[in-house]
Protein backbone atom coordinates (compact mmCIF):
# COMPACT_ATOMS: atom_id res chain seq x y z
CA MET A 1 -153.96 75.64 19.63
CA ILE A 2 -154.32 77.79 22.55
CA ASP A 3 -157.65 78.79 23.89
CA ARG A 4 -156.17 82.16 25.07
CA ALA A 5 -159.41 83.47 26.68
CA GLY A 6 -159.44 80.27 28.22
CA LEU A 7 -156.30 80.02 29.81
CA ALA A 8 -156.78 83.29 31.26
CA ASP A 9 -159.87 82.76 32.71
CA PHE A 10 -159.09 79.46 34.17
CA LEU A 11 -155.60 81.00 35.82
CA ARG A 12 -157.68 83.78 37.24
CA ARG A 13 -160.31 81.39 38.89
CA ARG A 14 -157.65 79.06 40.31
CA ARG A 15 -155.68 82.58 41.51
CA GLU A 16 -158.56 84.07 43.30
CA ALA A 17 -159.66 80.81 45.00
CA LEU A 18 -156.37 80.69 46.52
CA GLN A 19 -156.03 82.16 50.25
CA PRO A 20 -151.79 82.98 51.42
CA GLU A 21 -151.65 80.29 53.53
CA ASP A 22 -153.17 77.67 51.20
CA VAL A 23 -149.67 78.08 49.54
CA GLY A 24 -147.51 78.23 52.61
CA LEU A 25 -147.48 82.26 52.32
CA PRO A 26 -148.47 85.11 54.91
CA ARG A 27 -151.42 87.07 54.80
CA GLY A 28 -150.46 90.16 55.45
CA ALA A 29 -151.54 93.04 56.74
CA ARG A 30 -153.96 95.33 54.03
CA ARG A 31 -155.03 92.76 50.78
CA ARG A 32 -157.60 94.23 48.88
CA THR A 33 -157.35 91.29 45.97
CA PRO A 34 -159.27 88.17 46.32
CA GLY A 35 -156.93 84.99 46.63
CA LEU A 36 -153.28 85.54 45.70
CA ARG A 37 -152.28 88.03 43.86
CA ARG A 38 -150.16 87.99 40.68
CA GLU A 39 -146.92 88.19 41.72
CA GLU A 40 -147.18 86.24 44.54
CA VAL A 41 -148.59 82.98 41.71
CA ALA A 42 -145.34 84.04 39.51
CA ALA A 43 -143.32 83.81 42.58
CA LEU A 44 -144.38 80.24 43.32
CA SER A 45 -144.17 79.31 39.92
CA HIS A 46 -140.65 80.42 39.46
CA MET A 47 -141.04 83.36 36.60
CA SER A 48 -141.20 86.98 36.17
CA THR A 49 -144.57 88.56 36.77
CA ASP A 50 -144.51 90.37 33.57
CA PHE A 51 -144.94 86.96 31.98
CA TYR A 52 -147.61 85.72 34.14
CA SER A 53 -149.00 88.82 33.94
CA ARG A 54 -149.59 88.56 30.12
CA ILE A 55 -151.03 85.32 30.02
CA GLU A 56 -154.05 86.45 32.25
CA ARG A 57 -154.17 89.48 29.90
CA GLU A 58 -154.09 87.01 26.94
CA ARG A 59 -151.12 88.31 25.63
CA GLY A 60 -147.43 87.46 25.09
CA PRO A 61 -145.77 84.31 23.26
CA GLN A 62 -147.54 80.79 24.04
CA PRO A 63 -146.78 79.96 27.33
CA SER A 64 -143.61 76.26 26.75
CA GLU A 65 -144.65 73.13 28.50
CA GLN A 66 -142.30 73.71 31.19
CA MET A 67 -143.94 76.70 31.86
CA VAL A 68 -146.91 75.44 32.03
CA ALA A 69 -146.15 72.45 34.41
CA SER A 70 -144.36 75.29 36.90
CA ILE A 71 -147.59 77.30 37.03
CA ALA A 72 -149.85 74.27 37.53
CA GLN A 73 -147.45 73.76 40.47
CA GLY A 74 -147.26 77.08 41.43
CA LEU A 75 -151.63 76.80 42.02
CA HIS A 76 -151.25 73.56 43.46
CA LEU A 77 -153.55 72.13 41.24
CA SER A 78 -154.86 68.43 40.75
CA LEU A 79 -153.62 66.28 38.32
CA ASP A 80 -157.28 66.70 36.03
CA GLU A 81 -156.51 70.39 36.23
CA ARG A 82 -153.23 70.32 35.75
CA ASP A 83 -153.78 68.43 32.31
CA HIS A 84 -157.06 71.01 31.72
CA LEU A 85 -154.23 73.65 31.77
CA PHE A 86 -151.58 72.01 29.57
CA ARG A 87 -154.95 71.86 26.69
CA LEU A 88 -155.86 75.03 27.04
CA ALA A 89 -152.06 76.13 26.74
CA GLY A 90 -151.88 74.45 23.51
CA HIS A 91 -149.90 71.32 24.73
CA HIS A 92 -150.52 67.50 25.49
CA PRO A 93 -150.16 66.79 29.20
CA PRO A 94 -147.63 64.93 30.23
CA THR A 95 -147.53 61.46 31.43
CA ARG A 96 -149.74 60.49 34.76
CA GLY A 97 -147.86 57.92 37.40
CA PRO A 98 -144.71 57.16 38.25
CA ALA A 99 -142.72 58.94 36.07
CA GLY A 100 -144.52 62.25 36.56
CA ASP A 101 -142.48 65.06 38.34
CA HIS A 102 -146.70 66.63 39.64
CA VAL A 103 -146.48 66.88 43.14
CA ALA A 104 -150.18 66.56 44.81
CA PRO A 105 -151.86 69.57 46.39
CA GLY A 106 -152.14 67.39 49.34
CA MET A 107 -148.97 66.72 49.39
CA LEU A 108 -148.31 70.30 49.07
CA ARG A 109 -150.33 71.93 51.25
CA ILE A 110 -148.31 69.56 53.90
CA PHE A 111 -144.99 70.44 52.52
CA ASP A 112 -145.60 74.21 52.64
CA ARG A 113 -145.93 73.86 56.77
CA LEU A 114 -143.06 72.82 57.11
CA ALA A 115 -140.48 75.80 56.24
CA ASP A 116 -138.66 75.50 59.62
CA THR A 117 -138.28 71.41 59.13
CA PRO A 118 -135.81 69.31 57.37
CA ALA A 119 -138.35 67.92 54.65
CA GLU A 120 -138.02 67.14 51.14
CA ILE A 121 -140.67 65.39 48.80
CA VAL A 122 -138.76 62.98 46.17
CA THR A 123 -140.06 60.28 43.32
CA GLU A 124 -139.43 56.61 43.89
CA LEU A 125 -136.16 57.04 42.43
CA GLY A 126 -134.91 59.74 45.03
CA GLU A 127 -134.92 62.59 42.70
CA THR A 128 -136.21 65.86 45.05
CA LEU A 129 -138.84 67.76 43.81
CA ARG A 130 -139.23 69.81 46.71
CA GLN A 131 -137.15 71.14 49.64
CA THR A 132 -137.17 73.39 52.47
CA PRO A 133 -134.81 75.59 53.46
CA LEU A 134 -133.23 73.95 56.40
CA SER A 135 -133.33 70.33 54.16
CA VAL A 136 -131.14 72.61 51.57
CA ALA A 137 -128.89 73.58 54.73
CA LEU A 138 -128.87 70.06 55.50
CA VAL A 139 -127.37 67.90 52.73
CA GLY A 140 -127.02 70.86 50.18
CA ASP A 141 -129.70 71.91 47.11
CA SER A 142 -130.53 68.15 45.90
CA ARG A 143 -132.47 69.69 43.04
CA ARG A 144 -129.73 71.15 41.36
CA HIS A 145 -129.30 67.93 39.83
CA SER A 146 -130.20 66.95 36.02
CA GLY A 147 -129.92 63.85 34.06
CA PRO A 148 -129.71 60.34 35.81
CA ALA A 149 -127.57 62.13 38.85
CA ARG A 150 -130.91 63.77 40.10
CA SER A 151 -131.59 60.08 41.33
CA LEU A 152 -129.79 59.84 45.16
CA GLY A 153 -129.16 55.96 44.92
CA TYR A 154 -127.25 56.77 41.21
CA ARG A 155 -124.85 59.51 43.32
CA TRP A 156 -124.30 57.26 45.71
CA PHE A 157 -122.52 54.63 43.78
CA THR A 158 -121.51 57.51 40.57
CA ASP A 159 -120.56 60.51 42.73
CA PRO A 160 -117.71 60.32 45.84
CA ALA A 161 -119.33 63.93 47.41
CA ALA A 162 -122.75 61.93 48.07
CA ARG A 163 -121.05 59.90 50.48
CA ARG A 164 -119.45 62.86 52.75
CA LEU A 165 -122.61 63.54 54.73
CA HIS A 166 -123.14 59.71 55.93
CA PRO A 167 -120.26 58.17 58.58
CA PRO A 168 -118.37 55.88 56.89
CA GLU A 169 -119.51 52.91 59.15
CA ASP A 170 -123.26 53.61 57.35
CA HIS A 171 -121.69 53.31 54.09
CA ASP A 172 -121.94 49.54 53.13
CA PHE A 173 -125.74 49.56 54.53
CA TYR A 174 -126.79 52.42 52.36
CA SER A 175 -125.51 50.71 49.53
CA ARG A 176 -127.07 47.32 50.08
CA MET A 177 -130.44 49.55 50.55
CA TYR A 178 -130.09 51.27 47.03
CA ALA A 179 -129.47 48.32 45.38
CA SER A 180 -132.42 46.99 47.06
CA GLY A 181 -134.42 49.30 46.24
CA LEU A 182 -133.98 49.94 42.66
CA ARG A 183 -134.41 45.78 42.26
CA GLY A 184 -137.85 46.51 43.37
CA ILE A 185 -138.82 48.88 41.26
CA VAL A 186 -137.34 47.62 38.61
CA THR A 187 -139.42 44.58 38.39
CA LEU A 188 -142.41 46.82 39.31
CA ARG A 189 -142.09 48.89 36.91
CA GLY A 190 -140.40 46.66 34.54
CA PRO A 191 -138.03 46.81 30.89
CA GLY A 192 -138.41 50.04 29.41
CA SER A 193 -138.99 52.21 32.49
CA ARG A 194 -136.72 55.03 33.83
CA ALA A 195 -135.71 52.42 36.49
CA ALA A 196 -134.61 49.71 34.23
CA GLU A 197 -132.55 53.26 32.28
CA LEU A 198 -130.71 53.58 35.72
CA LEU A 199 -130.53 49.89 35.97
CA ASP A 200 -128.19 49.86 32.71
CA LEU A 201 -126.49 53.14 33.54
CA LEU A 202 -124.81 51.85 37.30
CA LEU A 203 -124.11 48.49 35.71
CA GLU A 204 -122.16 50.18 32.73
CA ARG A 205 -120.62 52.81 35.53
CA SER A 206 -120.19 51.51 38.73
CA GLU A 207 -117.85 48.17 39.94
CA GLU A 208 -119.37 48.71 43.30
CA PHE A 209 -123.52 48.68 42.47
CA ARG A 210 -122.60 45.48 39.81
CA GLU A 211 -121.40 43.58 42.84
CA ARG A 212 -124.07 44.51 45.01
CA TRP A 213 -126.72 43.83 42.14
CA ALA A 214 -125.27 40.64 41.89
CA GLU A 215 -126.19 39.73 45.62
CA HIS A 216 -129.47 39.88 45.06
CA GLU A 217 -130.66 41.65 48.01
CA VAL A 218 -134.99 42.25 48.18
CA GLY A 219 -136.54 44.06 50.78
CA ILE A 220 -133.74 46.42 52.88
CA ARG A 221 -135.60 49.43 54.34
CA PRO A 222 -134.20 52.80 55.05
CA ARG A 223 -133.26 53.00 59.10
CA GLU A 224 -135.69 55.36 61.05
CA VAL A 225 -133.01 57.01 62.56
CA LYS A 226 -130.32 58.51 59.95
CA ARG A 227 -127.11 59.69 60.89
CA TYR A 228 -125.43 62.71 59.16
CA LEU A 229 -121.48 64.16 59.28
CA HIS A 230 -122.32 67.95 58.68
CA PRO A 231 -119.66 70.46 58.15
CA ALA A 232 -120.57 73.19 60.52
CA VAL A 233 -122.85 71.94 63.41
CA GLY A 234 -120.98 68.04 63.26
CA GLU A 235 -123.06 64.84 64.14
CA LEU A 236 -126.58 64.53 63.64
CA GLU A 237 -128.81 61.62 64.59
CA LEU A 238 -132.47 62.48 62.74
CA SER A 239 -135.36 60.26 62.50
CA CYS A 240 -137.01 60.26 59.13
CA GLN A 241 -140.73 59.77 58.89
CA ILE A 242 -142.60 59.27 55.30
CA VAL A 243 -145.82 59.89 53.93
CA GLN A 244 -146.28 58.79 50.57
CA ASP A 245 -148.87 59.16 47.83
CA PRO A 246 -149.27 55.97 46.18
CA PHE A 247 -151.14 57.64 42.97
CA GLN A 248 -147.78 59.49 41.97
CA SER A 249 -145.35 57.59 43.69
CA HIS A 250 -144.23 60.47 45.80
CA SER A 251 -142.73 60.34 49.20
CA LEU A 252 -142.24 63.45 51.52
CA LEU A 253 -139.45 62.86 54.02
CA VAL A 254 -139.39 64.80 57.19
CA TYR A 255 -136.71 64.82 59.31
CA THR A 256 -137.01 65.45 63.19
CA ALA A 257 -134.70 65.43 66.59
CA THR A 258 -135.51 64.07 69.75
CA PRO A 259 -136.17 67.04 71.95
CA GLY A 260 -133.23 67.70 74.23
CA SER A 261 -130.63 65.91 72.56
CA PRO A 262 -127.33 67.04 71.07
CA SER A 263 -128.80 66.60 67.29
CA HIS A 264 -131.69 68.99 68.79
CA GLU A 265 -129.53 71.69 69.33
CA ARG A 266 -127.20 71.32 66.33
CA LEU A 267 -130.28 71.35 63.99
CA ARG A 268 -131.27 74.36 65.70
CA LEU A 269 -127.74 75.83 65.34
CA LEU A 270 -128.14 75.10 61.40
CA ALA A 271 -131.59 76.55 61.36
CA ALA A 272 -129.72 79.84 63.03
CA ALA A 273 -126.40 79.47 61.22
CA ASP A 274 -128.34 79.21 57.28
CA VAL A 275 -125.08 77.81 55.54
CA PRO A 276 -126.44 75.30 53.43
CA ILE A 277 -123.42 73.30 51.93
CA GLY A 278 -122.25 72.58 48.75
């Protein structure tokens, strides 16, 4: 059962404890409200200000699990705080661990400061949870996918469009890397895991994947420098740095170009052009 008073009080206190700079927002000239404004939390949580405000005022319908999860992420809650929020809203907390999509506050704080850099937060199966605007301009909106297609490795073997951004001579390496990476996750998580379900689908739907899987390669790691073929600015060579959250099995991927290089200039042009690909 929903605890409207407790839910409203908890949300209000968490909102007032956050400063705009904590969540990547500008402070602005005149600010009388302690912490974040309701409209800022609503925007961070991808919902209307009216809907969020009614929850804080102990009104309106019971928020769905999806809405609660969005609020928890928008307020940068820890896992314990997220679980508490779910219980106040009358729901069972989501599963913790590698199957969860809740990004840790510390990783979000780093991500929020990378607005002018291609960066994304992904799960161990290559599902994009967060993406900066420049990342969208570079590779497209990876969060638009649903079901197994959320996984880049799955799309690599089932959707030809997933390969267009990489030079053909790199395709063989990526196929080996994705098959090797999935084998490691399936071995770690075991039967019945989401990784095992993804494996079954790929074995059923991709002949190339079946061939790669039969080779039983392990330990093929991503290259530090990745090459992209962007339709607007041409070829880019970008270094990829990885920050990992071992508790949630999430990774923050940050892409940079060597200063003074052609790729650095093309990345600057891409940021200025603001032309995301499909």
